[in-house]
mmCIF file of all heavy atoms, coordinates in Angstrom:
data_MODEL
# 
_entry.id   MODEL 
# 
loop_
_atom_site.group_PDB 
_atom_site.id 
_atom_site.type_symbol 
_atom_site.label_atom_id 
_atom_site.label_alt_id 
_atom_site.label_comp_id 
_atom_site.label_asym_id 
_atom_site.label_entity_id 
_atom_site.label_seq_id 
_atom_site.pdbx_PDB_ins_code 
_atom_site.Cartn_x 
_atom_site.Cartn_y 
_atom_site.Cartn_z 
_atom_site.occupancy 
_atom_site.B_iso_or_equiv 
_atom_site.pdbx_formal_charge 
_atom_site.auth_seq_id 
_atom_site.auth_comp_id 
_atom_site.auth_asym_id 
_atom_site.auth_atom_id 
_atom_site.pdbx_PDB_model_num 
ATOM 1   N N   . LYS A 1 1  ? 3.447   -26.755 28.205 1.00 0.00 ? 1  LYS A N   1 
ATOM 2   C CA  . LYS A 1 1  ? 3.469   -28.227 28.208 1.00 0.00 ? 1  LYS A CA  1 
ATOM 3   C C   . LYS A 1 1  ? 4.890   -28.791 28.052 1.00 0.00 ? 1  LYS A C   1 
ATOM 4   O O   . LYS A 1 1  ? 5.104   -29.945 27.735 1.00 0.00 ? 1  LYS A O   1 
ATOM 5   C CB  . LYS A 1 1  ? 2.592   -28.714 26.985 1.00 0.00 ? 1  LYS A CB  1 
ATOM 6   C CG  . LYS A 1 1  ? 1.132   -28.300 27.146 1.00 0.00 ? 1  LYS A CG  1 
ATOM 7   C CD  . LYS A 1 1  ? 0.336   -28.745 25.944 1.00 0.00 ? 1  LYS A CD  1 
ATOM 8   C CE  . LYS A 1 1  ? -1.134  -28.253 26.067 1.00 0.00 ? 1  LYS A CE  1 
ATOM 9   N NZ  . LYS A 1 1  ? -1.818  -28.930 27.182 1.00 0.00 ? 1  LYS A NZ  1 
ATOM 10  N N   . GLY A 1 2  ? 5.866   -27.944 28.358 1.00 0.00 ? 2  GLY A N   1 
ATOM 11  C CA  . GLY A 1 2  ? 7.223   -28.348 28.309 1.00 0.00 ? 2  GLY A CA  1 
ATOM 12  C C   . GLY A 1 2  ? 7.814   -28.513 26.909 1.00 0.00 ? 2  GLY A C   1 
ATOM 13  O O   . GLY A 1 2  ? 8.781   -29.186 26.695 1.00 0.00 ? 2  GLY A O   1 
ATOM 14  N N   . LEU A 1 3  ? 7.190   -27.808 25.950 1.00 0.00 ? 3  LEU A N   1 
ATOM 15  C CA  . LEU A 1 3  ? 7.599   -27.913 24.562 1.00 0.00 ? 3  LEU A CA  1 
ATOM 16  C C   . LEU A 1 3  ? 8.187   -26.580 24.103 1.00 0.00 ? 3  LEU A C   1 
ATOM 17  O O   . LEU A 1 3  ? 7.724   -25.548 24.430 1.00 0.00 ? 3  LEU A O   1 
ATOM 18  C CB  . LEU A 1 3  ? 6.420   -28.297 23.672 1.00 0.00 ? 3  LEU A CB  1 
ATOM 19  C CG  . LEU A 1 3  ? 5.762   -29.620 24.056 1.00 0.00 ? 3  LEU A CG  1 
ATOM 20  C CD1 . LEU A 1 3  ? 4.381   -29.763 23.334 1.00 0.00 ? 3  LEU A CD1 1 
ATOM 21  C CD2 . LEU A 1 3  ? 6.637   -30.805 23.627 1.00 0.00 ? 3  LEU A CD2 1 
ATOM 22  N N   . ASP A 1 4  ? 9.234   -26.699 23.223 1.00 0.00 ? 4  ASP A N   1 
ATOM 23  C CA  . ASP A 1 4  ? 9.873   -25.485 22.677 1.00 0.00 ? 4  ASP A CA  1 
ATOM 24  C C   . ASP A 1 4  ? 9.642   -25.314 21.161 1.00 0.00 ? 4  ASP A C   1 
ATOM 25  O O   . ASP A 1 4  ? 10.028  -26.192 20.400 1.00 0.00 ? 4  ASP A O   1 
ATOM 26  C CB  . ASP A 1 4  ? 11.402  -25.558 22.916 1.00 0.00 ? 4  ASP A CB  1 
ATOM 27  C CG  . ASP A 1 4  ? 11.733  -25.573 24.457 1.00 0.00 ? 4  ASP A CG  1 
ATOM 28  O OD1 . ASP A 1 4  ? 11.143  -24.793 25.182 1.00 0.00 ? 4  ASP A OD1 1 
ATOM 29  O OD2 . ASP A 1 4  ? 12.540  -26.437 24.843 1.00 0.00 ? 4  ASP A OD2 1 
ATOM 30  N N   . LEU A 1 5  ? 8.986   -24.204 20.798 1.00 0.00 ? 5  LEU A N   1 
ATOM 31  C CA  . LEU A 1 5  ? 8.736   -23.957 19.402 1.00 0.00 ? 5  LEU A CA  1 
ATOM 32  C C   . LEU A 1 5  ? 9.935   -23.299 18.755 1.00 0.00 ? 5  LEU A C   1 
ATOM 33  O O   . LEU A 1 5  ? 10.370  -22.253 19.182 1.00 0.00 ? 5  LEU A O   1 
ATOM 34  C CB  . LEU A 1 5  ? 7.479   -23.040 19.246 1.00 0.00 ? 5  LEU A CB  1 
ATOM 35  C CG  . LEU A 1 5  ? 7.169   -22.597 17.814 1.00 0.00 ? 5  LEU A CG  1 
ATOM 36  C CD1 . LEU A 1 5  ? 6.698   -23.813 16.972 1.00 0.00 ? 5  LEU A CD1 1 
ATOM 37  C CD2 . LEU A 1 5  ? 6.034   -21.530 17.877 1.00 0.00 ? 5  LEU A CD2 1 
ATOM 38  N N   . TYR A 1 6  ? 10.479  -23.945 17.698 1.00 0.00 ? 6  TYR A N   1 
ATOM 39  C CA  . TYR A 1 6  ? 11.658  -23.446 17.019 1.00 0.00 ? 6  TYR A CA  1 
ATOM 40  C C   . TYR A 1 6  ? 11.231  -22.592 15.808 1.00 0.00 ? 6  TYR A C   1 
ATOM 41  O O   . TYR A 1 6  ? 11.779  -21.551 15.575 1.00 0.00 ? 6  TYR A O   1 
ATOM 42  C CB  . TYR A 1 6  ? 12.555  -24.563 16.546 1.00 0.00 ? 6  TYR A CB  1 
ATOM 43  C CG  . TYR A 1 6  ? 13.548  -25.068 17.601 1.00 0.00 ? 6  TYR A CG  1 
ATOM 44  C CD1 . TYR A 1 6  ? 13.203  -25.099 18.917 1.00 0.00 ? 6  TYR A CD1 1 
ATOM 45  C CD2 . TYR A 1 6  ? 14.782  -25.593 17.236 1.00 0.00 ? 6  TYR A CD2 1 
ATOM 46  C CE1 . TYR A 1 6  ? 14.042  -25.567 19.932 1.00 0.00 ? 6  TYR A CE1 1 
ATOM 47  C CE2 . TYR A 1 6  ? 15.661  -25.998 18.243 1.00 0.00 ? 6  TYR A CE2 1 
ATOM 48  C CZ  . TYR A 1 6  ? 15.301  -26.013 19.538 1.00 0.00 ? 6  TYR A CZ  1 
ATOM 49  O OH  . TYR A 1 6  ? 16.195  -26.457 20.542 1.00 0.00 ? 6  TYR A OH  1 
ATOM 50  N N   . ASP A 1 7  ? 10.283  -23.110 15.020 1.00 0.00 ? 7  ASP A N   1 
ATOM 51  C CA  . ASP A 1 7  ? 9.700   -22.352 13.935 1.00 0.00 ? 7  ASP A CA  1 
ATOM 52  C C   . ASP A 1 7  ? 8.332   -22.837 13.516 1.00 0.00 ? 7  ASP A C   1 
ATOM 53  O O   . ASP A 1 7  ? 7.951   -23.947 13.870 1.00 0.00 ? 7  ASP A O   1 
ATOM 54  C CB  . ASP A 1 7  ? 10.679  -22.293 12.726 1.00 0.00 ? 7  ASP A CB  1 
ATOM 55  C CG  . ASP A 1 7  ? 11.054  -23.672 12.199 1.00 0.00 ? 7  ASP A CG  1 
ATOM 56  O OD1 . ASP A 1 7  ? 10.160  -24.461 12.016 1.00 0.00 ? 7  ASP A OD1 1 
ATOM 57  O OD2 . ASP A 1 7  ? 12.234  -23.925 12.025 1.00 0.00 ? 7  ASP A OD2 1 
ATOM 58  N N   . ILE A 1 8  ? 7.611   -21.963 12.858 1.00 0.00 ? 8  ILE A N   1 
ATOM 59  C CA  . ILE A 1 8  ? 6.227   -22.357 12.451 1.00 0.00 ? 8  ILE A CA  1 
ATOM 60  C C   . ILE A 1 8  ? 5.899   -21.600 11.168 1.00 0.00 ? 8  ILE A C   1 
ATOM 61  O O   . ILE A 1 8  ? 6.426   -20.507 10.938 1.00 0.00 ? 8  ILE A O   1 
ATOM 62  C CB  . ILE A 1 8  ? 5.243   -21.960 13.552 1.00 0.00 ? 8  ILE A CB  1 
ATOM 63  C CG1 . ILE A 1 8  ? 3.814   -22.351 13.229 1.00 0.00 ? 8  ILE A CG1 1 
ATOM 64  C CG2 . ILE A 1 8  ? 5.291   -20.451 13.894 1.00 0.00 ? 8  ILE A CG2 1 
ATOM 65  C CD1 . ILE A 1 8  ? 2.801   -22.299 14.403 1.00 0.00 ? 8  ILE A CD1 1 
ATOM 66  N N   . LYS A 1 9  ? 5.101   -22.194 10.309 1.00 0.00 ? 9  LYS A N   1 
ATOM 67  C CA  . LYS A 1 9  ? 4.725   -21.521 9.084  1.00 0.00 ? 9  LYS A CA  1 
ATOM 68  C C   . LYS A 1 9  ? 3.214   -21.365 9.000  1.00 0.00 ? 9  LYS A C   1 
ATOM 69  O O   . LYS A 1 9  ? 2.460   -22.188 9.457  1.00 0.00 ? 9  LYS A O   1 
ATOM 70  C CB  . LYS A 1 9  ? 5.231   -22.287 7.832  1.00 0.00 ? 9  LYS A CB  1 
ATOM 71  C CG  . LYS A 1 9  ? 4.684   -23.692 7.627  1.00 0.00 ? 9  LYS A CG  1 
ATOM 72  C CD  . LYS A 1 9  ? 5.364   -24.342 6.387  1.00 0.00 ? 9  LYS A CD  1 
ATOM 73  C CE  . LYS A 1 9  ? 4.874   -25.772 6.180  1.00 0.00 ? 9  LYS A CE  1 
ATOM 74  N NZ  . LYS A 1 9  ? 5.532   -26.399 5.089  1.00 0.00 ? 9  LYS A NZ  1 
ATOM 75  N N   . PHE A 1 10 ? 2.833   -20.271 8.404  1.00 0.00 ? 10 PHE A N   1 
ATOM 76  C CA  . PHE A 1 10 ? 1.407   -19.910 8.277  1.00 0.00 ? 10 PHE A CA  1 
ATOM 77  C C   . PHE A 1 10 ? 1.100   -19.519 6.765  1.00 0.00 ? 10 PHE A C   1 
ATOM 78  O O   . PHE A 1 10 ? 2.022   -19.333 5.971  1.00 0.00 ? 10 PHE A O   1 
ATOM 79  C CB  . PHE A 1 10 ? 1.074   -18.686 9.117  1.00 0.00 ? 10 PHE A CB  1 
ATOM 80  C CG  . PHE A 1 10 ? 1.337   -18.795 10.603 1.00 0.00 ? 10 PHE A CG  1 
ATOM 81  C CD1 . PHE A 1 10 ? 2.277   -18.111 11.203 1.00 0.00 ? 10 PHE A CD1 1 
ATOM 82  C CD2 . PHE A 1 10 ? 0.506   -19.658 11.341 1.00 0.00 ? 10 PHE A CD2 1 
ATOM 83  C CE1 . PHE A 1 10 ? 2.542   -18.206 12.580 1.00 0.00 ? 10 PHE A CE1 1 
ATOM 84  C CE2 . PHE A 1 10 ? 0.688   -19.792 12.697 1.00 0.00 ? 10 PHE A CE2 1 
ATOM 85  C CZ  . PHE A 1 10 ? 1.702   -19.084 13.346 1.00 0.00 ? 10 PHE A CZ  1 
ATOM 86  N N   . GLU A 1 11 ? -0.209  -19.337 6.568  1.00 0.00 ? 11 GLU A N   1 
ATOM 87  C CA  . GLU A 1 11 ? -0.674  -18.725 5.325  1.00 0.00 ? 11 GLU A CA  1 
ATOM 88  C C   . GLU A 1 11 ? -1.730  -17.725 5.746  1.00 0.00 ? 11 GLU A C   1 
ATOM 89  O O   . GLU A 1 11 ? -2.485  -17.867 6.628  1.00 0.00 ? 11 GLU A O   1 
ATOM 90  C CB  . GLU A 1 11 ? -1.252  -19.763 4.333  1.00 0.00 ? 11 GLU A CB  1 
ATOM 91  C CG  . GLU A 1 11 ? -0.195  -20.738 3.803  1.00 0.00 ? 11 GLU A CG  1 
ATOM 92  C CD  . GLU A 1 11 ? -0.826  -21.659 2.735  1.00 0.00 ? 11 GLU A CD  1 
ATOM 93  O OE1 . GLU A 1 11 ? -1.561  -21.154 1.897  1.00 0.00 ? 11 GLU A OE1 1 
ATOM 94  O OE2 . GLU A 1 11 ? -0.490  -22.890 2.809  1.00 0.00 ? 11 GLU A OE2 1 
ATOM 95  N N   . PHE A 1 12 ? -1.731  -16.621 4.956  1.00 0.00 ? 12 PHE A N   1 
ATOM 96  C CA  . PHE A 1 12 ? -2.676  -15.552 5.201  1.00 0.00 ? 12 PHE A CA  1 
ATOM 97  C C   . PHE A 1 12 ? -3.450  -15.196 3.920  1.00 0.00 ? 12 PHE A C   1 
ATOM 98  O O   . PHE A 1 12 ? -2.960  -15.539 2.772  1.00 0.00 ? 12 PHE A O   1 
ATOM 99  C CB  . PHE A 1 12 ? -1.938  -14.272 5.679  1.00 0.00 ? 12 PHE A CB  1 
ATOM 100 C CG  . PHE A 1 12 ? -1.435  -14.333 7.086  1.00 0.00 ? 12 PHE A CG  1 
ATOM 101 C CD1 . PHE A 1 12 ? -0.217  -14.898 7.323  1.00 0.00 ? 12 PHE A CD1 1 
ATOM 102 C CD2 . PHE A 1 12 ? -2.195  -13.896 8.173  1.00 0.00 ? 12 PHE A CD2 1 
ATOM 103 C CE1 . PHE A 1 12 ? 0.316   -15.012 8.641  1.00 0.00 ? 12 PHE A CE1 1 
ATOM 104 C CE2 . PHE A 1 12 ? -1.712  -13.973 9.442  1.00 0.00 ? 12 PHE A CE2 1 
ATOM 105 C CZ  . PHE A 1 12 ? -0.464  -14.509 9.651  1.00 0.00 ? 12 PHE A CZ  1 
ATOM 106 N N   . GLY A 1 13 ? -4.587  -14.594 4.042  1.00 0.00 ? 13 GLY A N   1 
ATOM 107 C CA  . GLY A 1 13 ? -5.351  -14.195 2.890  1.00 0.00 ? 13 GLY A CA  1 
ATOM 108 C C   . GLY A 1 13 ? -6.114  -12.912 3.214  1.00 0.00 ? 13 GLY A C   1 
ATOM 109 O O   . GLY A 1 13 ? -6.034  -12.383 4.329  1.00 0.00 ? 13 GLY A O   1 
ATOM 110 N N   . ILE A 1 14 ? -6.971  -12.446 2.243  1.00 0.00 ? 14 ILE A N   1 
ATOM 111 C CA  . ILE A 1 14 ? -7.783  -11.302 2.409  1.00 0.00 ? 14 ILE A CA  1 
ATOM 112 C C   . ILE A 1 14 ? -9.243  -11.710 2.421  1.00 0.00 ? 14 ILE A C   1 
ATOM 113 O O   . ILE A 1 14 ? -9.717  -12.424 1.561  1.00 0.00 ? 14 ILE A O   1 
ATOM 114 C CB  . ILE A 1 14 ? -7.498  -10.344 1.192  1.00 0.00 ? 14 ILE A CB  1 
ATOM 115 C CG1 . ILE A 1 14 ? -6.069  -9.851  1.116  1.00 0.00 ? 14 ILE A CG1 1 
ATOM 116 C CG2 . ILE A 1 14 ? -8.460  -9.117  1.310  1.00 0.00 ? 14 ILE A CG2 1 
ATOM 117 C CD1 . ILE A 1 14 ? -5.657  -9.043  2.325  1.00 0.00 ? 14 ILE A CD1 1 
ATOM 118 N N   . ASP A 1 15 ? -9.961  -11.323 3.512  1.00 0.00 ? 15 ASP A N   1 
ATOM 119 C CA  . ASP A 1 15 ? -11.337 -11.599 3.566  1.00 0.00 ? 15 ASP A CA  1 
ATOM 120 C C   . ASP A 1 15 ? -12.224 -10.611 2.768  1.00 0.00 ? 15 ASP A C   1 
ATOM 121 O O   . ASP A 1 15 ? -11.675 -9.741  2.047  1.00 0.00 ? 15 ASP A O   1 
ATOM 122 C CB  . ASP A 1 15 ? -11.838 -11.704 5.029  1.00 0.00 ? 15 ASP A CB  1 
ATOM 123 C CG  . ASP A 1 15 ? -11.786 -10.369 5.723  1.00 0.00 ? 15 ASP A CG  1 
ATOM 124 O OD1 . ASP A 1 15 ? -11.562 -9.285  5.076  1.00 0.00 ? 15 ASP A OD1 1 
ATOM 125 O OD2 . ASP A 1 15 ? -12.020 -10.325 6.944  1.00 0.00 ? 15 ASP A OD2 1 
ATOM 126 N N   . LYS A 1 16 ? -13.498 -10.738 2.846  1.00 0.00 ? 16 LYS A N   1 
ATOM 127 C CA  . LYS A 1 16 ? -14.423 -9.891  2.052  1.00 0.00 ? 16 LYS A CA  1 
ATOM 128 C C   . LYS A 1 16 ? -14.304 -8.411  2.407  1.00 0.00 ? 16 LYS A C   1 
ATOM 129 O O   . LYS A 1 16 ? -14.724 -7.590  1.634  1.00 0.00 ? 16 LYS A O   1 
ATOM 130 C CB  . LYS A 1 16 ? -15.877 -10.361 2.232  1.00 0.00 ? 16 LYS A CB  1 
ATOM 131 C CG  . LYS A 1 16 ? -16.378 -10.244 3.669  1.00 0.00 ? 16 LYS A CG  1 
ATOM 132 C CD  . LYS A 1 16 ? -17.794 -10.751 3.764  1.00 0.00 ? 16 LYS A CD  1 
ATOM 133 C CE  . LYS A 1 16 ? -18.351 -10.590 5.167  1.00 0.00 ? 16 LYS A CE  1 
ATOM 134 N NZ  . LYS A 1 16 ? -19.779 -11.128 5.252  1.00 0.00 ? 16 LYS A NZ  1 
ATOM 135 N N   . ASN A 1 17 ? -13.786 -8.124  3.604  1.00 0.00 ? 17 ASN A N   1 
ATOM 136 C CA  . ASN A 1 17 ? -13.528 -6.712  3.989  1.00 0.00 ? 17 ASN A CA  1 
ATOM 137 C C   . ASN A 1 17 ? -12.167 -6.202  3.704  1.00 0.00 ? 17 ASN A C   1 
ATOM 138 O O   . ASN A 1 17 ? -11.702 -5.178  4.256  1.00 0.00 ? 17 ASN A O   1 
ATOM 139 C CB  . ASN A 1 17 ? -13.826 -6.577  5.533  1.00 0.00 ? 17 ASN A CB  1 
ATOM 140 C CG  . ASN A 1 17 ? -15.295 -6.986  5.844  1.00 0.00 ? 17 ASN A CG  1 
ATOM 141 O OD1 . ASN A 1 17 ? -16.230 -6.572  5.188  1.00 0.00 ? 17 ASN A OD1 1 
ATOM 142 N ND2 . ASN A 1 17 ? -15.486 -7.772  6.932  1.00 0.00 ? 17 ASN A ND2 1 
ATOM 143 N N   . ASP A 1 18 ? -11.406 -6.975  2.937  1.00 0.00 ? 18 ASP A N   1 
ATOM 144 C CA  . ASP A 1 18 ? -10.024 -6.649  2.586  1.00 0.00 ? 18 ASP A CA  1 
ATOM 145 C C   . ASP A 1 18 ? -9.094  -6.604  3.783  1.00 0.00 ? 18 ASP A C   1 
ATOM 146 O O   . ASP A 1 18 ? -8.121  -5.894  3.824  1.00 0.00 ? 18 ASP A O   1 
ATOM 147 C CB  . ASP A 1 18 ? -9.900  -5.310  1.819  1.00 0.00 ? 18 ASP A CB  1 
ATOM 148 C CG  . ASP A 1 18 ? -10.516 -5.411  0.392  1.00 0.00 ? 18 ASP A CG  1 
ATOM 149 O OD1 . ASP A 1 18 ? -10.397 -6.493  -0.216 1.00 0.00 ? 18 ASP A OD1 1 
ATOM 150 O OD2 . ASP A 1 18 ? -11.024 -4.394  -0.125 1.00 0.00 ? 18 ASP A OD2 1 
ATOM 151 N N   . GLU A 1 19 ? -9.424  -7.416  4.803  1.00 0.00 ? 19 GLU A N   1 
ATOM 152 C CA  . GLU A 1 19 ? -8.588  -7.505  6.030  1.00 0.00 ? 19 GLU A CA  1 
ATOM 153 C C   . GLU A 1 19 ? -7.689  -8.719  5.915  1.00 0.00 ? 19 GLU A C   1 
ATOM 154 O O   . GLU A 1 19 ? -8.154  -9.769  5.470  1.00 0.00 ? 19 GLU A O   1 
ATOM 155 C CB  . GLU A 1 19 ? -9.470  -7.553  7.245  1.00 0.00 ? 19 GLU A CB  1 
ATOM 156 C CG  . GLU A 1 19 ? -8.683  -7.554  8.513  1.00 0.00 ? 19 GLU A CG  1 
ATOM 157 C CD  . GLU A 1 19 ? -9.517  -7.502  9.770  1.00 0.00 ? 19 GLU A CD  1 
ATOM 158 O OE1 . GLU A 1 19 ? -10.760 -7.367  9.615  1.00 0.00 ? 19 GLU A OE1 1 
ATOM 159 O OE2 . GLU A 1 19 ? -9.019  -7.611  10.872 1.00 0.00 ? 19 GLU A OE2 1 
ATOM 160 N N   . VAL A 1 20 ? -6.479  -8.578  6.347  1.00 0.00 ? 20 VAL A N   1 
ATOM 161 C CA  . VAL A 1 20 ? -5.524  -9.712  6.338  1.00 0.00 ? 20 VAL A CA  1 
ATOM 162 C C   . VAL A 1 20 ? -5.898  -10.640 7.496  1.00 0.00 ? 20 VAL A C   1 
ATOM 163 O O   . VAL A 1 20 ? -5.950  -10.232 8.652  1.00 0.00 ? 20 VAL A O   1 
ATOM 164 C CB  . VAL A 1 20 ? -4.093  -9.260  6.539  1.00 0.00 ? 20 VAL A CB  1 
ATOM 165 C CG1 . VAL A 1 20 ? -3.099  -10.410 6.634  1.00 0.00 ? 20 VAL A CG1 1 
ATOM 166 C CG2 . VAL A 1 20 ? -3.688  -8.296  5.370  1.00 0.00 ? 20 VAL A CG2 1 
ATOM 167 N N   . ILE A 1 21 ? -6.191  -11.890 7.133  1.00 0.00 ? 21 ILE A N   1 
ATOM 168 C CA  . ILE A 1 21 ? -6.589  -12.899 8.180  1.00 0.00 ? 21 ILE A CA  1 
ATOM 169 C C   . ILE A 1 21 ? -5.754  -14.157 8.026  1.00 0.00 ? 21 ILE A C   1 
ATOM 170 O O   . ILE A 1 21 ? -5.303  -14.457 6.919  1.00 0.00 ? 21 ILE A O   1 
ATOM 171 C CB  . ILE A 1 21 ? -8.089  -13.208 8.158  1.00 0.00 ? 21 ILE A CB  1 
ATOM 172 C CG1 . ILE A 1 21 ? -8.445  -13.881 6.821  1.00 0.00 ? 21 ILE A CG1 1 
ATOM 173 C CG2 . ILE A 1 21 ? -8.962  -11.963 8.363  1.00 0.00 ? 21 ILE A CG2 1 
ATOM 174 C CD1 . ILE A 1 21 ? -9.870  -14.473 6.836  1.00 0.00 ? 21 ILE A CD1 1 
ATOM 175 N N   . LEU A 1 22 ? -5.638  -14.877 9.097  1.00 0.00 ? 22 LEU A N   1 
ATOM 176 C CA  . LEU A 1 22 ? -4.934  -16.194 9.044  1.00 0.00 ? 22 LEU A CA  1 
ATOM 177 C C   . LEU A 1 22 ? -5.822  -17.260 8.434  1.00 0.00 ? 22 LEU A C   1 
ATOM 178 O O   . LEU A 1 22 ? -7.020  -17.366 8.791  1.00 0.00 ? 22 LEU A O   1 
ATOM 179 C CB  . LEU A 1 22 ? -4.555  -16.621 10.468 1.00 0.00 ? 22 LEU A CB  1 
ATOM 180 C CG  . LEU A 1 22 ? -3.886  -17.933 10.634 1.00 0.00 ? 22 LEU A CG  1 
ATOM 181 C CD1 . LEU A 1 22 ? -2.421  -17.839 10.062 1.00 0.00 ? 22 LEU A CD1 1 
ATOM 182 C CD2 . LEU A 1 22 ? -3.775  -18.363 12.130 1.00 0.00 ? 22 LEU A CD2 1 
ATOM 183 N N   . ILE A 1 23 ? -5.270  -18.015 7.487  1.00 0.00 ? 23 ILE A N   1 
ATOM 184 C CA  . ILE A 1 23 ? -5.998  -19.066 6.864  1.00 0.00 ? 23 ILE A CA  1 
ATOM 185 C C   . ILE A 1 23 ? -5.225  -20.374 7.072  1.00 0.00 ? 23 ILE A C   1 
ATOM 186 O O   . ILE A 1 23 ? -4.281  -20.446 7.812  1.00 0.00 ? 23 ILE A O   1 
ATOM 187 C CB  . ILE A 1 23 ? -6.232  -18.816 5.369  1.00 0.00 ? 23 ILE A CB  1 
ATOM 188 C CG1 . ILE A 1 23 ? -4.945  -18.650 4.613  1.00 0.00 ? 23 ILE A CG1 1 
ATOM 189 C CG2 . ILE A 1 23 ? -7.082  -17.469 5.228  1.00 0.00 ? 23 ILE A CG2 1 
ATOM 190 C CD1 . ILE A 1 23 ? -5.119  -18.492 3.083  1.00 0.00 ? 23 ILE A CD1 1 
ATOM 191 N N   . ASP A 1 24 ? -5.651  -21.439 6.363  1.00 0.00 ? 24 ASP A N   1 
ATOM 192 C CA  . ASP A 1 24 ? -4.996  -22.731 6.405  1.00 0.00 ? 24 ASP A CA  1 
ATOM 193 C C   . ASP A 1 24 ? -5.115  -23.403 7.829  1.00 0.00 ? 24 ASP A C   1 
ATOM 194 O O   . ASP A 1 24 ? -6.207  -23.567 8.287  1.00 0.00 ? 24 ASP A O   1 
ATOM 195 C CB  . ASP A 1 24 ? -3.560  -22.648 6.017  1.00 0.00 ? 24 ASP A CB  1 
ATOM 196 C CG  . ASP A 1 24 ? -2.968  -23.981 5.566  1.00 0.00 ? 24 ASP A CG  1 
ATOM 197 O OD1 . ASP A 1 24 ? -3.656  -24.714 4.914  1.00 0.00 ? 24 ASP A OD1 1 
ATOM 198 O OD2 . ASP A 1 24 ? -1.819  -24.294 5.980  1.00 0.00 ? 24 ASP A OD2 1 
ATOM 199 N N   . GLU A 1 25 ? -4.014  -23.699 8.490  1.00 0.00 ? 25 GLU A N   1 
ATOM 200 C CA  . GLU A 1 25 ? -4.103  -24.497 9.745  1.00 0.00 ? 25 GLU A CA  1 
ATOM 201 C C   . GLU A 1 25 ? -2.972  -24.019 10.718 1.00 0.00 ? 25 GLU A C   1 
ATOM 202 O O   . GLU A 1 25 ? -2.054  -23.292 10.323 1.00 0.00 ? 25 GLU A O   1 
ATOM 203 C CB  . GLU A 1 25 ? -3.939  -25.985 9.462  1.00 0.00 ? 25 GLU A CB  1 
ATOM 204 C CG  . GLU A 1 25 ? -2.557  -26.293 8.828  1.00 0.00 ? 25 GLU A CG  1 
ATOM 205 C CD  . GLU A 1 25 ? -2.394  -27.779 8.539  1.00 0.00 ? 25 GLU A CD  1 
ATOM 206 O OE1 . GLU A 1 25 ? -3.211  -28.634 9.102  1.00 0.00 ? 25 GLU A OE1 1 
ATOM 207 O OE2 . GLU A 1 25 ? -1.528  -28.147 7.798  1.00 0.00 ? 25 GLU A OE2 1 
ATOM 208 N N   . ILE A 1 26 ? -3.104  -24.427 11.982 1.00 0.00 ? 26 ILE A N   1 
ATOM 209 C CA  . ILE A 1 26 ? -2.060  -24.252 12.932 1.00 0.00 ? 26 ILE A CA  1 
ATOM 210 C C   . ILE A 1 26 ? -1.883  -25.637 13.583 1.00 0.00 ? 26 ILE A C   1 
ATOM 211 O O   . ILE A 1 26 ? -2.566  -25.996 14.537 1.00 0.00 ? 26 ILE A O   1 
ATOM 212 C CB  . ILE A 1 26 ? -2.452  -23.257 14.020 1.00 0.00 ? 26 ILE A CB  1 
ATOM 213 C CG1 . ILE A 1 26 ? -2.911  -21.934 13.401 1.00 0.00 ? 26 ILE A CG1 1 
ATOM 214 C CG2 . ILE A 1 26 ? -1.253  -22.977 14.962 1.00 0.00 ? 26 ILE A CG2 1 
ATOM 215 C CD1 . ILE A 1 26 ? -3.430  -20.918 14.462 1.00 0.00 ? 26 ILE A CD1 1 
ATOM 216 N N   . ALA A 1 27 ? -1.008  -26.436 13.019 1.00 0.00 ? 27 ALA A N   1 
ATOM 217 C CA  . ALA A 1 27 ? -0.910  -27.836 13.395 1.00 0.00 ? 27 ALA A CA  1 
ATOM 218 C C   . ALA A 1 27 ? 0.500   -28.278 13.496 1.00 0.00 ? 27 ALA A C   1 
ATOM 219 O O   . ALA A 1 27 ? 1.425   -27.667 12.997 1.00 0.00 ? 27 ALA A O   1 
ATOM 220 C CB  . ALA A 1 27 ? -1.738  -28.699 12.445 1.00 0.00 ? 27 ALA A CB  1 
# 
């Protein structure tokens, strides 16, 4: 879309299977 991503922040957590998954948002 002609946009340049410089940086982005995330949060991760552990689900019921002890797997690392992305939580929060991507906005």
